[in-house]
Structure formats: structure tokens, C-alpha cells
Amino acid sequence: MAEDLGRPRPIERDHLPRYVARFGDTEVRRRLDLYLPFSVAQEERWFESLQESLDKQEAVLLAMETSEGIHIGNVVLVTVKWKDRNAELGITIGDKSCWDLGYGR
């Protein structure tokens, strides 16, 4: 069973190198239906392109951290339609040492 998670917080630019490292792992990518790893430049472009959706409140992207502040993944809501109360949910546990511990529940 997973320990309590710390407070979720917005994804920051300093999280991007961890994404690049984790998405460089074939096993992590396979669970996400991703085929190729990402470069830092690609992650930075993704981060910048997401800002408009975040500003318009069409998306919510939060870092998932342990209570000790260790970044293990993220939670994302996209295609947010506040009026209709629906969105698409994605949970990624990129830190393989935290797999199968209940963090994605």
C-alpha cells in the first residue's frame, strides 16, 4: 500500500529532466503507448504548448509526489469541460520503484 502522497503541485520546468529520463525507459513508454523517447527540447516544447491550455483552464497538470517531496509521476486532466463536469484523466507513475504500490488509485 502506498504511503500518503504529499500535496499535489503544478508541474514546473525543473520536472522536465525527470520526464525525459523516465520516458527514455522502454518499459515506462510501453505502459503509456509511447514508442520513442523524448529529448529535453521536445519536453520543453510540450511544456510551453501546454501553458495556453492551463491558462484557459482547459487542462490541469499536477506533479505527484510522496509525502517526502519525491516526484514519482503526474496526474493530468485534459479536455476539461467545467460546465459539463467532465474531462479525460491520466495518471502516470514514472518512478518504477513506486509501481504496484497503490499510488495510481
PDB file of N, CA and C in Angstrom:
ATOM      1  N   MET A   1       0.851  -1.183   0.000  1.00  0.00           N
ATOM      2  CA  MET A   1       0.000   0.000   0.000  1.00  0.00           C
ATOM      3  C   MET A   1       0.890   1.237   0.000  1.00  0.00           C
ATOM      4  N   ALA A   2       0.519   2.203  -0.781  1.00  0.00           N
ATOM      5  CA  ALA A   2       1.288   3.434  -0.917  1.00  0.00           C
ATOM      6  C   ALA A   2       1.204   4.265   0.356  1.00  0.00           C
ATOM      7  N   GLU A   3       2.307   4.936   0.647  1.00  0.00           N
ATOM      8  CA  GLU A   3       2.276   5.899   1.733  1.00  0.00           C
ATOM      9  C   GLU A   3       1.433   7.088   1.297  1.00  0.00           C
ATOM     10  N   ASP A   4       1.102   7.947   2.236  1.00  0.00           N
ATOM     11  CA  ASP A   4       0.329   9.133   1.870  1.00  0.00           C
ATOM     12  C   ASP A   4       1.124   9.987   0.903  1.00  0.00           C
ATOM     13  N   LEU A   5       0.428  10.504  -0.083  1.00  0.00           N
ATOM     14  CA  LEU A   5       1.068  11.420  -1.021  1.00  0.00           C
ATOM     15  C   LEU A   5       1.133  12.801  -0.410  1.00  0.00           C
ATOM     16  N   GLY A   6       2.154  13.528  -0.773  1.00  0.00           N
ATOM     17  CA  GLY A   6       2.238  14.915  -0.368  1.00  0.00           C
ATOM     18  C   GLY A   6       1.223  15.727  -1.145  1.00  0.00           C
ATOM     19  N   ARG A   7       1.239  17.012  -0.946  1.00  0.00           N
ATOM     20  CA  ARG A   7       0.310  17.868  -1.687  1.00  0.00           C
ATOM     21  C   ARG A   7       0.672  17.878  -3.156  1.00  0.00           C
ATOM     22  N   PRO A   8      -0.330  17.729  -4.035  1.00  0.00           N
ATOM     23  CA  PRO A   8      -0.028  17.860  -5.469  1.00  0.00           C
ATOM     24  C   PRO A   8       0.369  19.302  -5.766  1.00  0.00           C
ATOM     25  N   ARG A   9       1.234  19.472  -6.735  1.00  0.00           N
ATOM     26  CA  ARG A   9       1.628  20.821  -7.118  1.00  0.00           C
ATOM     27  C   ARG A   9       1.797  20.886  -8.619  1.00  0.00           C
ATOM     28  N   PRO A  10       1.708  22.079  -9.178  1.00  0.00           N
ATOM     29  CA  PRO A  10       1.834  22.202 -10.630  1.00  0.00           C
ATOM     30  C   PRO A  10       3.191  21.692 -11.117  1.00  0.00           C
ATOM     31  N   ILE A  11       3.192  21.155 -12.328  1.00  0.00           N
ATOM     32  CA  ILE A  11       4.437  20.740 -12.962  1.00  0.00           C
ATOM     33  C   ILE A  11       5.248  21.996 -13.254  1.00  0.00           C
ATOM     34  N   GLU A  12       6.522  21.927 -12.941  1.00  0.00           N
ATOM     35  CA  GLU A  12       7.436  23.041 -13.190  1.00  0.00           C
ATOM     36  C   GLU A  12       8.495  22.604 -14.199  1.00  0.00           C
ATOM     37  N   ARG A  13       9.159  23.565 -14.770  1.00  0.00           N
ATOM     38  CA  ARG A  13      10.202  23.274 -15.753  1.00  0.00           C
ATOM     39  C   ARG A  13      11.271  22.338 -15.173  1.00  0.00           C
ATOM     40  N   ASP A  14      11.549  22.439 -13.875  1.00  0.00           N
ATOM     41  CA  ASP A  14      12.586  21.576 -13.292  1.00  0.00           C
ATOM     42  C   ASP A  14      12.166  20.109 -13.206  1.00  0.00           C
ATOM     43  N   HIS A  15      10.893  19.789 -13.439  1.00  0.00           N
ATOM     44  CA  HIS A  15      10.454  18.394 -13.508  1.00  0.00           C
ATOM     45  C   HIS A  15      10.829  17.747 -14.848  1.00  0.00           C
ATOM     46  N   LEU A  16      11.038  18.542 -15.886  1.00  0.00           N
ATOM     47  CA  LEU A  16      11.202  18.021 -17.244  1.00  0.00           C
ATOM     48  C   LEU A  16      12.352  17.026 -17.403  1.00  0.00           C
ATOM     49  N   PRO A  17      13.527  17.239 -16.792  1.00  0.00           N
ATOM     50  CA  PRO A  17      14.585  16.227 -16.948  1.00  0.00           C
ATOM     51  C   PRO A  17      14.176  14.852 -16.414  1.00  0.00           C
ATOM     52  N   ARG A  18      13.360  14.805 -15.370  1.00  0.00           N
ATOM     53  CA  ARG A  18      12.883  13.507 -14.867  1.00  0.00           C
ATOM     54  C   ARG A  18      11.961  12.846 -15.894  1.00  0.00           C
ATOM     55  N   TYR A  19      11.118  13.646 -16.562  1.00  0.00           N
ATOM     56  CA  TYR A  19      10.260  13.084 -17.607  1.00  0.00           C
ATOM     57  C   TYR A  19      11.102  12.491 -18.731  1.00  0.00           C
ATOM     58  N   VAL A  20      12.118  13.218 -19.157  1.00  0.00           N
ATOM     59  CA  VAL A  20      12.971  12.741 -20.244  1.00  0.00           C
ATOM     60  C   VAL A  20      13.630  11.425 -19.839  1.00  0.00           C
ATOM     61  N   ALA A  21      14.152  11.358 -18.621  1.00  0.00           N
ATOM     62  CA  ALA A  21      14.806  10.130 -18.155  1.00  0.00           C
ATOM     63  C   ALA A  21      13.811   8.978 -18.073  1.00  0.00           C
ATOM     64  N   ARG A  22      12.653   9.230 -17.518  1.00  0.00           N
ATOM     65  CA  ARG A  22      11.664   8.157 -17.361  1.00  0.00           C
ATOM     66  C   ARG A  22      11.101   7.702 -18.687  1.00  0.00           C
ATOM     67  N   PHE A  23      10.817   8.644 -19.584  1.00  0.00           N
ATOM     68  CA  PHE A  23      10.275   8.271 -20.885  1.00  0.00           C
ATOM     69  C   PHE A  23      11.352   7.688 -21.799  1.00  0.00           C
ATOM     70  N   GLY A  24      12.596   7.754 -21.367  1.00  0.00           N
ATOM     71  CA  GLY A  24      13.675   7.084 -22.074  1.00  0.00           C
ATOM     72  C   GLY A  24      13.688   5.592 -21.792  1.00  0.00           C
ATOM     73  N   ASP A  25      12.967   5.177 -20.767  1.00  0.00           N
ATOM     74  CA  ASP A  25      12.896   3.773 -20.365  1.00  0.00           C
ATOM     75  C   ASP A  25      11.817   3.063 -21.187  1.00  0.00           C
ATOM     76  N   THR A  26      12.202   2.038 -21.914  1.00  0.00           N
ATOM     77  CA  THR A  26      11.274   1.306 -22.783  1.00  0.00           C
ATOM     78  C   THR A  26      10.073   0.767 -22.017  1.00  0.00           C
ATOM     79  N   GLU A  27      10.300   0.258 -20.822  1.00  0.00           N
ATOM     80  CA  GLU A  27       9.203  -0.325 -20.039  1.00  0.00           C
ATOM     81  C   GLU A  27       8.179   0.731 -19.630  1.00  0.00           C
ATOM     82  N   VAL A  28       8.631   1.915 -19.261  1.00  0.00           N
ATOM     83  CA  VAL A  28       7.718   3.010 -18.912  1.00  0.00           C
ATOM     84  C   VAL A  28       6.919   3.418 -20.143  1.00  0.00           C
ATOM     85  N   ARG A  29       7.601   3.590 -21.281  1.00  0.00           N
ATOM     86  CA  ARG A  29       6.912   4.007 -22.509  1.00  0.00           C
ATOM     87  C   ARG A  29       5.869   2.989 -22.939  1.00  0.00           C
ATOM     88  N   ARG A  30       6.170   1.722 -22.816  1.00  0.00           N
ATOM     89  CA  ARG A  30       5.228   0.685 -23.241  1.00  0.00           C
ATOM     90  C   ARG A  30       3.917   0.789 -22.472  1.00  0.00           C
ATOM     91  N   ARG A  31       3.971   1.113 -21.188  1.00  0.00           N
ATOM     92  CA  ARG A  31       2.759   1.243 -20.382  1.00  0.00           C
ATOM     93  C   ARG A  31       1.955   2.486 -20.748  1.00  0.00           C
ATOM     94  N   LEU A  32       2.579   3.406 -21.468  1.00  0.00           N
ATOM     95  CA  LEU A  32       1.915   4.647 -21.873  1.00  0.00           C
ATOM     96  C   LEU A  32       1.601   4.676 -23.362  1.00  0.00           C
ATOM     97  N   ASP A  33       1.843   3.594 -24.057  1.00  0.00           N
ATOM     98  CA  ASP A  33       1.654   3.542 -25.504  1.00  0.00           C
ATOM     99  C   ASP A  33       2.473   4.611 -26.223  1.00  0.00           C
ATOM    100  N   LEU A  34       3.656   4.865 -25.724  1.00  0.00           N
ATOM    101  CA  LEU A  34       4.607   5.757 -26.391  1.00  0.00           C
ATOM    102  C   LEU A  34       5.660   4.889 -27.054  1.00  0.00           C
ATOM    103  N   TYR A  35       6.140   5.304 -28.213  1.00  0.00           N
ATOM    104  CA  TYR A  35       7.059   4.459 -28.960  1.00  0.00           C
ATOM    105  C   TYR A  35       8.491   4.954 -28.967  1.00  0.00           C
ATOM    106  N   LEU A  36       8.672   6.250 -28.895  1.00  0.00           N
ATOM    107  CA  LEU A  36      10.012   6.808 -28.968  1.00  0.00           C
ATOM    108  C   LEU A  36      10.288   7.669 -27.741  1.00  0.00           C
ATOM    109  N   PRO A  37      11.535   7.708 -27.285  1.00  0.00           N
ATOM    110  CA  PRO A  37      11.872   8.600 -26.170  1.00  0.00           C
ATOM    111  C   PRO A  37      11.810  10.060 -26.615  1.00  0.00           C
ATOM    112  N   PHE A  38      11.794  10.960 -25.649  1.00  0.00           N
ATOM    113  CA  PHE A  38      11.732  12.397 -25.912  1.00  0.00           C
ATOM    114  C   PHE A  38      13.057  13.045 -25.555  1.00  0.00           C
ATOM    115  N   SER A  39      13.391  14.092 -26.267  1.00  0.00           N
ATOM    116  CA  SER A  39      14.559  14.900 -25.918  1.00  0.00           C
ATOM    117  C   SER A  39      14.127  15.993 -24.944  1.00  0.00           C
ATOM    118  N   VAL A  40      15.082  16.631 -24.319  1.00  0.00           N
ATOM    119  CA  VAL A  40      14.781  17.758 -23.439  1.00  0.00           C
ATOM    120  C   VAL A  40      14.080  18.855 -24.232  1.00  0.00           C
ATOM    121  N   ALA A  41      14.541  19.113 -25.452  1.00  0.00           N
ATOM    122  CA  ALA A  41      13.920  20.152 -26.277  1.00  0.00           C
ATOM    123  C   ALA A  41      12.457  19.820 -26.570  1.00  0.00           C
ATOM    124  N   GLN A  42      12.158  18.554 -26.853  1.00  0.00           N
ATOM    125  CA  GLN A  42      10.771  18.163 -27.099  1.00  0.00           C
ATOM    126  C   GLN A  42       9.917  18.334 -25.851  1.00  0.00           C
ATOM    127  N   GLU A  43      10.454  17.970 -24.705  1.00  0.00           N
ATOM    128  CA  GLU A  43       9.707  18.138 -23.455  1.00  0.00           C
ATOM    129  C   GLU A  43       9.467  19.619 -23.168  1.00  0.00           C
ATOM    130  N   GLU A  44      10.455  20.460 -23.450  1.00  0.00           N
ATOM    131  CA  GLU A  44      10.277  21.897 -23.240  1.00  0.00           C
ATOM    132  C   GLU A  44       9.194  22.458 -24.165  1.00  0.00           C
ATOM    133  N   ARG A  45       9.172  22.008 -25.429  1.00  0.00           N
ATOM    134  CA  ARG A  45       8.119  22.453 -26.353  1.00  0.00           C
ATOM    135  C   ARG A  45       6.746  21.987 -25.868  1.00  0.00           C
ATOM    136  N   TRP A  46       6.657  20.738 -25.393  1.00  0.00           N
ATOM    137  CA  TRP A  46       5.397  20.214 -24.844  1.00  0.00           C
ATOM    138  C   TRP A  46       4.949  21.069 -23.657  1.00  0.00           C
ATOM    139  N   PHE A  47       5.882  21.377 -22.777  1.00  0.00           N
ATOM    140  CA  PHE A  47       5.580  22.178 -21.589  1.00  0.00           C
ATOM    141  C   PHE A  47       5.067  23.559 -21.989  1.00  0.00           C
ATOM    142  N   GLU A  48       5.729  24.187 -22.949  1.00  0.00           N
ATOM    143  CA  GLU A  48       5.308  25.517 -23.413  1.00  0.00           C
ATOM    144  C   GLU A  48       3.940  25.458 -24.088  1.00  0.00           C
ATOM    145  N   SER A  49       3.692  24.433 -24.905  1.00  0.00           N
ATOM    146  CA  SER A  49       2.405  24.333 -25.590  1.00  0.00           C
ATOM    147  C   SER A  49       1.263  24.075 -24.615  1.00  0.00           C
ATOM    148  N   LEU A  50       1.562  23.451 -23.511  1.00  0.00           N
ATOM    149  CA  LEU A  50       0.539  23.159 -22.512  1.00  0.00           C
ATOM    150  C   LEU A  50       0.105  24.404 -21.741  1.00  0.00           C
ATOM    151  N   GLN A  51       0.960  25.403 -21.682  1.00  0.00           N
ATOM    152  CA  GLN A  51       0.676  26.584 -20.876  1.00  0.00           C
ATOM    153  C   GLN A  51      -0.619  27.284 -21.288  1.00  0.00           C
ATOM    154  N   GLU A  52      -0.899  27.350 -22.574  1.00  0.00           N
ATOM    155  CA  GLU A  52      -2.124  28.012 -23.029  1.00  0.00           C
ATOM    156  C   GLU A  52      -3.363  27.266 -22.515  1.00  0.00           C
ATOM    157  N   SER A  53      -3.341  25.933 -22.596  1.00  0.00           N
ATOM    158  CA  SER A  53      -4.467  25.143 -22.078  1.00  0.00           C
ATOM    159  C   SER A  53      -4.611  25.315 -20.576  1.00  0.00           C
ATOM    160  N   LEU A  54      -3.482  25.385 -19.880  1.00  0.00           N
ATOM    161  CA  LEU A  54      -3.533  25.592 -18.428  1.00  0.00           C
ATOM    162  C   LEU A  54      -4.094  26.975 -18.104  1.00  0.00           C
ATOM    163  N   ASP A  55      -3.644  27.981 -18.850  1.00  0.00           N
ATOM    164  CA  ASP A  55      -4.133  29.347 -18.627  1.00  0.00           C
ATOM    165  C   ASP A  55      -5.633  29.467 -18.890  1.00  0.00           C
ATOM    166  N   LYS A  56      -6.116  28.740 -19.900  1.00  0.00           N
ATOM    167  CA  LYS A  56      -7.547  28.762 -20.234  1.00  0.00           C
ATOM    168  C   LYS A  56      -8.353  27.814 -19.343  1.00  0.00           C
ATOM    169  N   GLN A  57      -7.671  27.116 -18.451  1.00  0.00           N
ATOM    170  CA  GLN A  57      -8.286  26.129 -17.563  1.00  0.00           C
ATOM    171  C   GLN A  57      -8.951  25.001 -18.351  1.00  0.00           C
ATOM    172  N   GLU A  58      -8.329  24.642 -19.484  1.00  0.00           N
ATOM    173  CA  GLU A  58      -8.779  23.505 -20.282  1.00  0.00           C
ATOM    174  C   GLU A  58      -8.005  22.241 -19.915  1.00  0.00           C
ATOM    175  N   ALA A  59      -7.025  22.392 -19.042  1.00  0.00           N
ATOM    176  CA  ALA A  59      -6.215  21.262 -18.592  1.00  0.00           C
ATOM    177  C   ALA A  59      -5.733  21.546 -17.178  1.00  0.00           C
ATOM    178  N   VAL A  60      -5.465  20.471 -16.461  1.00  0.00           N
ATOM    179  CA  VAL A  60      -4.877  20.545 -15.123  1.00  0.00           C
ATOM    180  C   VAL A  60      -3.759  19.509 -15.113  1.00  0.00           C
ATOM    181  N   LEU A  61      -2.562  19.913 -14.761  1.00  0.00           N
ATOM    182  CA  LEU A  61      -1.425  19.007 -14.717  1.00  0.00           C
ATOM    183  C   LEU A  61      -0.720  19.194 -13.390  1.00  0.00           C
ATOM    184  N   LEU A  62      -0.658  18.127 -12.607  1.00  0.00           N
ATOM    185  CA  LEU A  62      -0.077  18.210 -11.276  1.00  0.00           C
ATOM    186  C   LEU A  62       1.017  17.171 -11.100  1.00  0.00           C
ATOM    187  N   ALA A  63       2.068  17.558 -10.401  1.00  0.00           N
ATOM    188  CA  ALA A  63       3.116  16.616 -10.033  1.00  0.00           C
ATOM    189  C   ALA A  63       2.603  15.752  -8.891  1.00  0.00           C
ATOM    190  N   MET A  64       2.864  14.462  -8.983  1.00  0.00           N
ATOM    191  CA  MET A  64       2.518  13.533  -7.912  1.00  0.00           C
ATOM    192  C   MET A  64       3.805  13.276  -7.136  1.00  0.00           C
ATOM    193  N   GLU A  65       3.780  13.608  -5.866  1.00  0.00           N
ATOM    194  CA  GLU A  65       4.966  13.457  -5.028  1.00  0.00           C
ATOM    195  C   GLU A  65       4.627  12.662  -3.777  1.00  0.00           C
ATOM    196  N   THR A  66       5.629  12.002  -3.246  1.00  0.00           N
ATOM    197  CA  THR A  66       5.448  11.329  -1.965  1.00  0.00           C
ATOM    198  C   THR A  66       5.393  12.387  -0.871  1.00  0.00           C
ATOM    199  N   SER A  67       5.042  11.970   0.331  1.00  0.00           N
ATOM    200  CA  SER A  67       4.980  12.940   1.437  1.00  0.00           C
ATOM    201  C   SER A  67       6.361  13.516   1.744  1.00  0.00           C
ATOM    202  N   GLU A  68       7.422  12.841   1.266  1.00  0.00           N
ATOM    203  CA  GLU A  68       8.789  13.371   1.434  1.00  0.00           C
ATOM    204  C   GLU A  68       9.177  14.334   0.310  1.00  0.00           C
ATOM    205  N   GLY A  69       8.263  14.587  -0.642  1.00  0.00           N
ATOM    206  CA  GLY A  69       8.541  15.521  -1.721  1.00  0.00           C
ATOM    207  C   GLY A  69       9.258  14.915  -2.911  1.00  0.00           C
ATOM    208  N   ILE A  70       9.268  13.589  -3.028  1.00  0.00           N
ATOM    209  CA  ILE A  70       9.920  12.931  -4.152  1.00  0.00           C
ATOM    210  C   ILE A  70       8.919  12.820  -5.306  1.00  0.00           C
ATOM    211  N   HIS A  71       9.277  13.401  -6.441  1.00  0.00           N
ATOM    212  CA  HIS A  71       8.405  13.413  -7.619  1.00  0.00           C
ATOM    213  C   HIS A  71       8.405  12.021  -8.250  1.00  0.00           C
ATOM    214  N   ILE A  72       7.222  11.360  -8.261  1.00  0.00           N
ATOM    215  CA  ILE A  72       7.143   9.996  -8.794  1.00  0.00           C
ATOM    216  C   ILE A  72       6.289   9.904 -10.057  1.00  0.00           C
ATOM    217  N   GLY A  73       5.547  10.945 -10.379  1.00  0.00           N
ATOM    218  CA  GLY A  73       4.681  10.896 -11.554  1.00  0.00           C
ATOM    219  C   GLY A  73       3.812  12.123 -11.646  1.00  0.00           C
ATOM    220  N   ASN A  74       2.705  11.975 -12.367  1.00  0.00           N
ATOM    221  CA  ASN A  74       1.812  13.117 -12.520  1.00  0.00           C
ATOM    222  C   ASN A  74       0.372  12.671 -12.714  1.00  0.00           C
ATOM    223  N   VAL A  75      -0.506  13.609 -12.508  1.00  0.00           N
ATOM    224  CA  VAL A  75      -1.933  13.442 -12.760  1.00  0.00           C
ATOM    225  C   VAL A  75      -2.316  14.561 -13.718  1.00  0.00           C
ATOM    226  N   VAL A  76      -3.047  14.207 -14.772  1.00  0.00           N
ATOM    227  CA  VAL A  76      -3.436  15.207 -15.754  1.00  0.00           C
ATOM    228  C   VAL A  76      -4.926  15.075 -16.065  1.00  0.00           C
ATOM    229  N   LEU A  77      -5.572  16.209 -16.161  1.00  0.00           N
ATOM    230  CA  LEU A  77      -6.935  16.287 -16.689  1.00  0.00           C
ATOM    231  C   LEU A  77      -6.836  17.101 -17.970  1.00  0.00           C
ATOM    232  N   VAL A  78      -7.320  16.544 -19.067  1.00  0.00           N
ATOM    233  CA  VAL A  78      -7.318  17.273 -20.344  1.00  0.00           C
ATOM    234  C   VAL A  78      -8.730  17.278 -20.899  1.00  0.00           C
ATOM    235  N   THR A  79      -8.937  18.121 -21.874  1.00  0.00           N
ATOM    236  CA  THR A  79     -10.261  18.310 -22.459  1.00  0.00           C
ATOM    237  C   THR A  79     -11.267  18.593 -21.339  1.00  0.00           C
ATOM    238  N   VAL A  80     -10.868  19.467 -20.434  1.00  0.00           N
ATOM    239  CA  VAL A  80     -11.716  19.797 -19.291  1.00  0.00           C
ATOM    240  C   VAL A  80     -12.893  20.639 -19.763  1.00  0.00           C
ATOM    241  N   LYS A  81     -14.064  20.206 -19.406  1.00  0.00           N
ATOM    242  CA  LYS A  81     -15.299  20.944 -19.684  1.00  0.00           C
ATOM    243  C   LYS A  81     -15.973  21.162 -18.329  1.00  0.00           C
ATOM    244  N   TRP A  82     -15.635  22.283 -17.718  1.00  0.00           N
ATOM    245  CA  TRP A  82     -16.106  22.570 -16.364  1.00  0.00           C
ATOM    246  C   TRP A  82     -17.631  22.582 -16.290  1.00  0.00           C
ATOM    247  N   LYS A  83     -18.273  23.196 -17.269  1.00  0.00           N
ATOM    248  CA  LYS A  83     -19.731  23.289 -17.267  1.00  0.00           C
ATOM    249  C   LYS A  83     -20.374  21.906 -17.292  1.00  0.00           C
ATOM    250  N   ASP A  84     -19.807  21.003 -18.098  1.00  0.00           N
ATOM    251  CA  ASP A  84     -20.353  19.644 -18.221  1.00  0.00           C
ATOM    252  C   ASP A  84     -19.818  18.697 -17.145  1.00  0.00           C
ATOM    253  N   ARG A  85     -18.847  19.172 -16.374  1.00  0.00           N
ATOM    254  CA  ARG A  85     -18.227  18.372 -15.310  1.00  0.00           C
ATOM    255  C   ARG A  85     -17.591  17.096 -15.833  1.00  0.00           C
ATOM    256  N   ASN A  86     -16.827  17.223 -16.925  1.00  0.00           N
ATOM    257  CA  ASN A  86     -16.118  16.045 -17.400  1.00  0.00           C
ATOM    258  C   ASN A  86     -14.754  16.424 -17.958  1.00  0.00           C
ATOM    259  N   ALA A  87     -13.895  15.428 -18.007  1.00  0.00           N
ATOM    260  CA  ALA A  87     -12.537  15.588 -18.515  1.00  0.00           C
ATOM    261  C   ALA A  87     -11.955  14.200 -18.718  1.00  0.00           C
ATOM    262  N   GLU A  88     -10.837  14.151 -19.412  1.00  0.00           N
ATOM    263  CA  GLU A  88     -10.087  12.907 -19.543  1.00  0.00           C
ATOM    264  C   GLU A  88      -9.006  12.910 -18.465  1.00  0.00           C
ATOM    265  N   LEU A  89      -8.868  11.788 -17.776  1.00  0.00           N
ATOM    266  CA  LEU A  89      -7.917  11.659 -16.674  1.00  0.00           C
ATOM    267  C   LEU A  89      -6.761  10.768 -17.088  1.00  0.00           C
ATOM    268  N   GLY A  90      -5.560  11.195 -16.764  1.00  0.00           N
ATOM    269  CA  GLY A  90      -4.370  10.366 -16.961  1.00  0.00           C
ATOM    270  C   GLY A  90      -3.537  10.373 -15.702  1.00  0.00           C
ATOM    271  N   ILE A  91      -3.064   9.207 -15.305  1.00  0.00           N
ATOM    272  CA  ILE A  91      -2.174   9.078 -14.150  1.00  0.00           C
ATOM    273  C   ILE A  91      -0.934   8.345 -14.626  1.00  0.00           C
ATOM    274  N   THR A  92       0.225   8.911 -14.376  1.00  0.00           N
ATOM    275  CA  THR A  92       1.484   8.291 -14.756  1.00  0.00           C
ATOM    276  C   THR A  92       2.364   8.159 -13.525  1.00  0.00           C
ATOM    277  N   ILE A  93       2.763   6.936 -13.239  1.00  0.00           N
ATOM    278  CA  ILE A  93       3.776   6.694 -12.212  1.00  0.00           C
ATOM    279  C   ILE A  93       5.044   6.346 -12.987  1.00  0.00           C
ATOM    280  N   GLY A  94       5.912   7.327 -13.156  1.00  0.00           N
ATOM    281  CA  GLY A  94       7.121   7.131 -13.950  1.00  0.00           C
ATOM    282  C   GLY A  94       8.272   6.539 -13.169  1.00  0.00           C
ATOM    283  N   ASP A  95       8.209   6.615 -11.847  1.00  0.00           N
ATOM    284  CA  ASP A  95       9.252   6.046 -10.990  1.00  0.00           C
ATOM    285  C   ASP A  95       8.925   4.572 -10.782  1.00  0.00           C
ATOM    286  N   LYS A  96       9.664   3.681 -11.452  1.00  0.00           N
ATOM    287  CA  LYS A  96       9.339   2.258 -11.424  1.00  0.00           C
ATOM    288  C   LYS A  96       9.425   1.656 -10.026  1.00  0.00           C
ATOM    289  N   SER A  97      10.195   2.253  -9.129  1.00  0.00           N
ATOM    290  CA  SER A  97      10.266   1.727  -7.760  1.00  0.00           C
ATOM    291  C   SER A  97       8.948   1.930  -7.017  1.00  0.00           C
ATOM    292  N   CYS A  98       8.061   2.740  -7.581  1.00  0.00           N
ATOM    293  CA  CYS A  98       6.759   3.015  -6.956  1.00  0.00           C
ATOM    294  C   CYS A  98       5.611   2.293  -7.648  1.00  0.00           C
ATOM    295  N   TRP A  99       5.906   1.471  -8.649  1.00  0.00           N
ATOM    296  CA  TRP A  99       4.867   0.700  -9.317  1.00  0.00           C
ATOM    297  C   TRP A  99       4.287  -0.347  -8.386  1.00  0.00           C
ATOM    298  N   ASP A 100       3.013  -0.622  -8.552  1.00  0.00           N
ATOM    299  CA  ASP A 100       2.302  -1.663  -7.804  1.00  0.00           C
ATOM    300  C   ASP A 100       2.272  -1.408  -6.313  1.00  0.00           C
ATOM    301  N   LEU A 101       2.333  -0.143  -5.914  1.00  0.00           N
ATOM    302  CA  LEU A 101       2.255   0.218  -4.501  1.00  0.00           C
ATOM    303  C   LEU A 101       0.965   0.987  -4.187  1.00  0.00           C
ATOM    304  N   GLY A 102       0.093   1.148  -5.174  1.00  0.00           N
ATOM    305  CA  GLY A 102      -1.194   1.810  -4.937  1.00  0.00           C
ATOM    306  C   GLY A 102      -1.194   3.304  -5.189  1.00  0.00           C
ATOM    307  N   TYR A 103      -0.127   3.868  -5.727  1.00  0.00           N
ATOM    308  CA  TYR A 103      -0.091   5.312  -5.956  1.00  0.00           C
ATOM    309  C   TYR A 103      -1.084   5.774  -7.020  1.00  0.00           C
ATOM    310  N   GLY A 104      -1.429   4.931  -7.957  1.00  0.00           N
ATOM    311  CA  GLY A 104      -2.339   5.336  -9.036  1.00  0.00           C
ATOM    312  C   GLY A 104      -3.815   5.185  -8.711  1.00  0.00           C
ATOM    313  N   ARG A 105      -4.134   4.775  -7.514  1.00  0.00           N
ATOM    314  CA  ARG A 105      -5.548   4.549  -7.156  1.00  0.00           C
ATOM    315  C   ARG A 105      -6.300   5.822  -6.955  1.00  0.00           C
TER     316      ARG A 105
END
